[in-house]
Amino acid sequence: MARETRRQRRAARATGGDGAPTSRRSRAAQARPSQQPVKQQTGRKADHQRGQFVRESYAELKKVDWPSRRQTFQGVVVVIIACTIVGLYLWGLDQVIRPVVDKVLL
């Protein structure tokens, strides 16, 4: 898209499309989330929201398809085998490269 086309579109958005400027705050005047005051809720409303959050979390956890004991065991075995293979590969690479490093760099 050409630069001039982008400028025209930007100008049209700034005026609201009808030629009248809209009341938009400048980028520097916009409040950022970190600069906005934090509202501390106390009392029943905060307790209600906390309780609702816990109820919704519990409902979501009930929807999770948890792995069976067998699936968990298989996953653990796969991870142990993969770690062993990678460890042996890195150990072997270290054994091959160590003499080169000792003779060339040290």
N, C-alpha and C. Protein backbone atom coordinates (compact mmCIF):
# COMPACT_ATOMS: atom_id res chain seq x y z
N MET A 1 0.85 -1.17 0.00
CA MET A 1 0.00 0.00 0.00
C MET A 1 0.90 1.23 0.00
N ALA A 2 0.54 2.18 -0.78
CA ALA A 2 1.35 3.38 -0.91
C ALA A 2 1.25 4.24 0.34
N ARG A 3 2.29 4.98 0.59
CA ARG A 3 2.34 5.82 1.79
C ARG A 3 1.21 6.86 1.77
N GLU A 4 0.95 7.44 0.62
CA GLU A 4 -0.09 8.47 0.52
C GLU A 4 -1.47 7.88 0.81
N THR A 5 -1.72 6.65 0.35
CA THR A 5 -3.00 5.99 0.62
C THR A 5 -3.17 5.76 2.12
N ARG A 6 -2.09 5.33 2.79
CA ARG A 6 -2.17 5.13 4.24
C ARG A 6 -2.46 6.44 4.95
N ARG A 7 -1.82 7.52 4.50
CA ARG A 7 -2.07 8.83 5.11
C ARG A 7 -3.52 9.26 4.93
N GLN A 8 -4.07 9.02 3.76
CA GLN A 8 -5.45 9.40 3.51
C GLN A 8 -6.41 8.60 4.39
N ARG A 9 -6.16 7.31 4.50
CA ARG A 9 -7.01 6.48 5.36
C ARG A 9 -6.91 6.89 6.81
N ARG A 10 -5.69 7.18 7.25
CA ARG A 10 -5.49 7.62 8.62
C ARG A 10 -6.22 8.93 8.89
N ALA A 11 -6.16 9.86 7.93
CA ALA A 11 -6.84 11.14 8.09
C ALA A 11 -8.35 10.95 8.10
N ALA A 12 -8.85 10.03 7.27
CA ALA A 12 -10.29 9.77 7.24
C ALA A 12 -10.76 9.17 8.57
N ARG A 13 -9.96 8.27 9.15
CA ARG A 13 -10.32 7.70 10.45
C ARG A 13 -10.29 8.75 11.54
N ALA A 14 -9.31 9.67 11.48
CA ALA A 14 -9.18 10.69 12.51
C ALA A 14 -10.35 11.66 12.49
N THR A 15 -10.92 11.89 11.32
CA THR A 15 -12.04 12.82 11.23
C THR A 15 -13.38 12.10 11.32
N GLY A 16 -13.36 10.80 11.46
CA GLY A 16 -14.61 10.06 11.56
C GLY A 16 -15.27 9.83 10.22
N GLY A 17 -14.59 10.13 9.13
CA GLY A 17 -15.12 9.88 7.80
C GLY A 17 -16.00 11.00 7.26
N ASP A 18 -16.51 11.91 8.14
CA ASP A 18 -17.41 12.96 7.66
C ASP A 18 -16.75 14.33 7.63
N GLY A 19 -15.46 14.40 7.88
CA GLY A 19 -14.76 15.66 7.83
C GLY A 19 -14.63 16.36 9.17
N ALA A 20 -15.46 15.99 10.14
CA ALA A 20 -15.39 16.61 11.47
C ALA A 20 -14.40 15.84 12.32
N PRO A 21 -13.50 16.55 12.98
CA PRO A 21 -12.51 15.84 13.79
C PRO A 21 -13.17 15.17 15.00
N THR A 22 -12.69 14.00 15.31
CA THR A 22 -13.20 13.28 16.48
C THR A 22 -12.36 13.64 17.69
N SER A 23 -12.90 13.43 18.85
CA SER A 23 -12.17 13.76 20.07
C SER A 23 -11.36 12.54 20.51
N ARG A 24 -10.17 12.46 19.97
CA ARG A 24 -9.27 11.36 20.33
C ARG A 24 -8.12 11.93 21.11
N ARG A 25 -7.78 11.25 22.19
CA ARG A 25 -6.63 11.71 22.97
C ARG A 25 -5.37 11.39 22.21
N SER A 26 -4.38 12.23 22.38
CA SER A 26 -3.10 11.95 21.75
C SER A 26 -2.48 10.73 22.39
N ARG A 27 -1.56 10.14 21.69
CA ARG A 27 -0.93 8.92 22.19
C ARG A 27 -0.24 9.15 23.53
N ALA A 28 0.35 10.31 23.71
CA ALA A 28 1.03 10.61 24.97
C ALA A 28 0.03 10.79 26.11
N ALA A 29 -1.18 11.27 25.80
CA ALA A 29 -2.16 11.52 26.84
C ALA A 29 -2.96 10.28 27.22
N GLN A 30 -2.87 9.22 26.42
CA GLN A 30 -3.62 8.01 26.74
C GLN A 30 -3.04 7.35 27.97
N ALA A 31 -3.92 6.90 28.84
CA ALA A 31 -3.46 6.22 30.06
C ALA A 31 -3.08 4.80 29.72
N ARG A 32 -1.93 4.41 30.15
CA ARG A 32 -1.47 3.04 29.94
C ARG A 32 -1.96 2.18 31.10
N PRO A 33 -2.12 0.88 30.88
CA PRO A 33 -2.62 0.02 31.96
C PRO A 33 -1.77 0.08 33.22
N SER A 34 -0.46 0.21 33.07
CA SER A 34 0.40 0.24 34.26
C SER A 34 0.26 1.55 35.01
N GLN A 35 -0.25 2.60 34.35
CA GLN A 35 -0.39 3.90 35.00
C GLN A 35 -1.78 4.11 35.58
N GLN A 36 -2.73 3.24 35.23
CA GLN A 36 -4.08 3.40 35.74
C GLN A 36 -4.13 2.94 37.19
N PRO A 37 -4.90 3.63 38.01
CA PRO A 37 -4.99 3.22 39.41
C PRO A 37 -5.67 1.86 39.53
N VAL A 38 -5.20 1.07 40.48
CA VAL A 38 -5.76 -0.24 40.72
C VAL A 38 -6.86 -0.12 41.74
N LYS A 39 -8.03 -0.63 41.41
CA LYS A 39 -9.16 -0.55 42.33
C LYS A 39 -9.14 -1.77 43.23
N GLN A 40 -9.03 -1.53 44.50
CA GLN A 40 -9.06 -2.61 45.48
C GLN A 40 -10.50 -2.85 45.90
N GLN A 41 -10.99 -4.04 45.65
CA GLN A 41 -12.35 -4.35 46.05
C GLN A 41 -12.32 -5.03 47.41
N THR A 42 -13.22 -4.61 48.23
CA THR A 42 -13.32 -5.21 49.55
C THR A 42 -14.76 -5.60 49.81
N GLY A 43 -14.92 -6.45 50.78
CA GLY A 43 -16.27 -6.81 51.18
C GLY A 43 -16.85 -7.94 50.36
N ARG A 44 -18.16 -7.91 50.28
CA ARG A 44 -18.90 -9.02 49.66
C ARG A 44 -18.63 -9.18 48.17
N LYS A 45 -18.47 -8.06 47.47
CA LYS A 45 -18.28 -8.15 46.02
C LYS A 45 -16.99 -8.89 45.70
N ALA A 46 -15.90 -8.58 46.42
CA ALA A 46 -14.63 -9.26 46.19
C ALA A 46 -14.74 -10.73 46.54
N ASP A 47 -15.40 -11.04 47.65
CA ASP A 47 -15.58 -12.45 48.04
C ASP A 47 -16.42 -13.20 47.01
N HIS A 48 -17.43 -12.53 46.48
CA HIS A 48 -18.28 -13.17 45.47
C HIS A 48 -17.48 -13.46 44.21
N GLN A 49 -16.66 -12.49 43.78
CA GLN A 49 -15.86 -12.68 42.57
C GLN A 49 -14.83 -13.79 42.79
N ARG A 50 -14.23 -13.83 43.96
CA ARG A 50 -13.25 -14.87 44.26
C ARG A 50 -13.93 -16.24 44.26
N GLY A 51 -15.09 -16.32 44.87
CA GLY A 51 -15.83 -17.58 44.90
C GLY A 51 -16.26 -18.02 43.51
N GLN A 52 -16.66 -17.06 42.70
CA GLN A 52 -17.06 -17.37 41.33
C GLN A 52 -15.87 -17.89 40.54
N PHE A 53 -14.71 -17.28 40.74
CA PHE A 53 -13.50 -17.72 40.05
C PHE A 53 -13.17 -19.16 40.43
N VAL A 54 -13.26 -19.49 41.72
CA VAL A 54 -12.95 -20.84 42.18
C VAL A 54 -13.96 -21.82 41.59
N ARG A 55 -15.24 -21.47 41.56
CA ARG A 55 -16.25 -22.37 40.99
C ARG A 55 -16.00 -22.60 39.51
N GLU A 56 -15.68 -21.53 38.77
CA GLU A 56 -15.42 -21.68 37.34
C GLU A 56 -14.15 -22.50 37.09
N SER A 57 -13.14 -22.31 37.92
CA SER A 57 -11.90 -23.09 37.77
C SER A 57 -12.17 -24.56 38.01
N TYR A 58 -12.94 -24.86 39.03
CA TYR A 58 -13.28 -26.25 39.34
C TYR A 58 -14.08 -26.87 38.19
N ALA A 59 -15.01 -26.11 37.63
CA ALA A 59 -15.80 -26.62 36.50
C ALA A 59 -14.90 -26.90 35.30
N GLU A 60 -13.91 -26.05 35.04
CA GLU A 60 -12.99 -26.28 33.93
C GLU A 60 -12.12 -27.51 34.18
N LEU A 61 -11.70 -27.71 35.43
CA LEU A 61 -10.88 -28.88 35.74
C LEU A 61 -11.67 -30.18 35.57
N LYS A 62 -12.96 -30.13 35.77
CA LYS A 62 -13.78 -31.33 35.57
C LYS A 62 -13.89 -31.67 34.09
N LYS A 63 -13.71 -30.67 33.21
CA LYS A 63 -13.79 -30.92 31.77
C LYS A 63 -12.51 -31.51 31.20
N VAL A 64 -11.41 -31.44 31.94
CA VAL A 64 -10.12 -31.90 31.44
C VAL A 64 -10.13 -33.41 31.29
N ASP A 65 -9.56 -33.88 30.18
CA ASP A 65 -9.44 -35.32 29.95
C ASP A 65 -8.10 -35.76 30.55
N TRP A 66 -8.12 -36.18 31.81
CA TRP A 66 -6.90 -36.56 32.52
C TRP A 66 -6.38 -37.89 32.00
N PRO A 67 -5.07 -38.06 31.89
CA PRO A 67 -4.51 -39.33 31.41
C PRO A 67 -4.69 -40.43 32.45
N SER A 68 -4.78 -41.66 31.95
CA SER A 68 -4.90 -42.80 32.86
C SER A 68 -3.52 -43.12 33.45
N ARG A 69 -3.50 -44.03 34.39
CA ARG A 69 -2.23 -44.44 35.00
C ARG A 69 -1.28 -45.01 33.94
N ARG A 70 -1.84 -45.80 33.01
CA ARG A 70 -1.03 -46.42 31.97
C ARG A 70 -0.44 -45.36 31.04
N GLN A 71 -1.25 -44.37 30.63
CA GLN A 71 -0.77 -43.31 29.75
C GLN A 71 0.32 -42.49 30.43
N THR A 72 0.14 -42.23 31.71
CA THR A 72 1.14 -41.48 32.46
C THR A 72 2.45 -42.24 32.52
N PHE A 73 2.38 -43.55 32.80
CA PHE A 73 3.58 -44.38 32.86
C PHE A 73 4.29 -44.41 31.51
N GLN A 74 3.52 -44.55 30.42
CA GLN A 74 4.11 -44.56 29.08
C GLN A 74 4.79 -43.23 28.78
N GLY A 75 4.18 -42.13 29.18
CA GLY A 75 4.78 -40.82 28.97
C GLY A 75 6.10 -40.67 29.72
N VAL A 76 6.12 -41.16 30.96
CA VAL A 76 7.35 -41.08 31.76
C VAL A 76 8.45 -41.91 31.12
N VAL A 77 8.11 -43.10 30.64
CA VAL A 77 9.10 -43.97 30.00
C VAL A 77 9.66 -43.30 28.75
N VAL A 78 8.80 -42.69 27.95
CA VAL A 78 9.25 -42.02 26.73
C VAL A 78 10.21 -40.88 27.08
N VAL A 79 9.90 -40.11 28.11
CA VAL A 79 10.76 -38.99 28.50
C VAL A 79 12.11 -39.50 29.00
N ILE A 80 12.11 -40.56 29.79
CA ILE A 80 13.37 -41.11 30.31
C ILE A 80 14.24 -41.64 29.16
N ILE A 81 13.62 -42.34 28.21
CA ILE A 81 14.37 -42.85 27.06
C ILE A 81 14.93 -41.70 26.24
N ALA A 82 14.13 -40.66 25.99
CA ALA A 82 14.60 -39.53 25.19
C ALA A 82 15.75 -38.82 25.90
N CYS A 83 15.65 -38.64 27.20
CA CYS A 83 16.73 -37.99 27.96
C CYS A 83 18.00 -38.82 27.93
N THR A 84 17.86 -40.15 28.00
CA THR A 84 19.02 -41.03 27.95
C THR A 84 19.71 -40.94 26.60
N ILE A 85 18.93 -40.95 25.53
CA ILE A 85 19.50 -40.87 24.18
C ILE A 85 20.23 -39.55 23.98
N VAL A 86 19.60 -38.45 24.37
CA VAL A 86 20.24 -37.14 24.21
C VAL A 86 21.48 -37.04 25.09
N GLY A 87 21.40 -37.56 26.30
CA GLY A 87 22.56 -37.54 27.19
C GLY A 87 23.73 -38.32 26.63
N LEU A 88 23.46 -39.52 26.09
CA LEU A 88 24.52 -40.33 25.49
C LEU A 88 25.12 -39.63 24.27
N TYR A 89 24.27 -39.00 23.48
CA TYR A 89 24.75 -38.28 22.30
C TYR A 89 25.68 -37.14 22.71
N LEU A 90 25.26 -36.36 23.69
CA LEU A 90 26.09 -35.24 24.14
C LEU A 90 27.38 -35.73 24.79
N TRP A 91 27.31 -36.83 25.54
CA TRP A 91 28.50 -37.39 26.17
C TRP A 91 29.50 -37.85 25.10
N GLY A 92 28.98 -38.53 24.08
CA GLY A 92 29.84 -38.99 22.99
C GLY A 92 30.46 -37.84 22.24
N LEU A 93 29.68 -36.81 21.96
CA LEU A 93 30.20 -35.63 21.29
C LEU A 93 31.28 -34.97 22.13
N ASP A 94 31.07 -34.92 23.43
CA ASP A 94 32.06 -34.35 24.33
C ASP A 94 33.36 -35.15 24.30
N GLN A 95 33.25 -36.48 24.26
CA GLN A 95 34.44 -37.33 24.23
C GLN A 95 35.22 -37.15 22.93
N VAL A 96 34.51 -36.91 21.84
CA VAL A 96 35.17 -36.72 20.55
C VAL A 96 35.84 -35.35 20.48
N ILE A 97 35.18 -34.33 20.97
CA ILE A 97 35.68 -32.97 20.84
C ILE A 97 36.73 -32.63 21.90
N ARG A 98 36.72 -33.30 23.05
CA ARG A 98 37.64 -32.97 24.14
C ARG A 98 39.12 -33.00 23.72
N PRO A 99 39.60 -34.06 23.04
CA PRO A 99 41.02 -34.05 22.64
C PRO A 99 41.36 -32.91 21.69
N VAL A 100 40.44 -32.58 20.80
CA VAL A 100 40.70 -31.48 19.87
C VAL A 100 40.84 -30.17 20.64
N VAL A 101 39.96 -29.96 21.57
CA VAL A 101 40.01 -28.74 22.37
C VAL A 101 41.29 -28.69 23.20
N ASP A 102 41.66 -29.83 23.80
CA ASP A 102 42.88 -29.89 24.62
C ASP A 102 44.13 -29.59 23.81
N LYS A 103 44.22 -30.12 22.57
CA LYS A 103 45.43 -29.95 21.77
C LYS A 103 45.47 -28.59 21.06
N VAL A 104 44.33 -28.11 20.60
CA VAL A 104 44.31 -26.88 19.81
C VAL A 104 44.24 -25.64 20.69
N LEU A 105 43.34 -25.64 21.64
CA LEU A 105 43.09 -24.44 22.41
C LEU A 105 43.91 -24.36 23.69
N LEU A 106 44.35 -25.47 24.24
CA LEU A 106 45.07 -25.39 25.51
C LEU A 106 46.50 -25.71 25.38
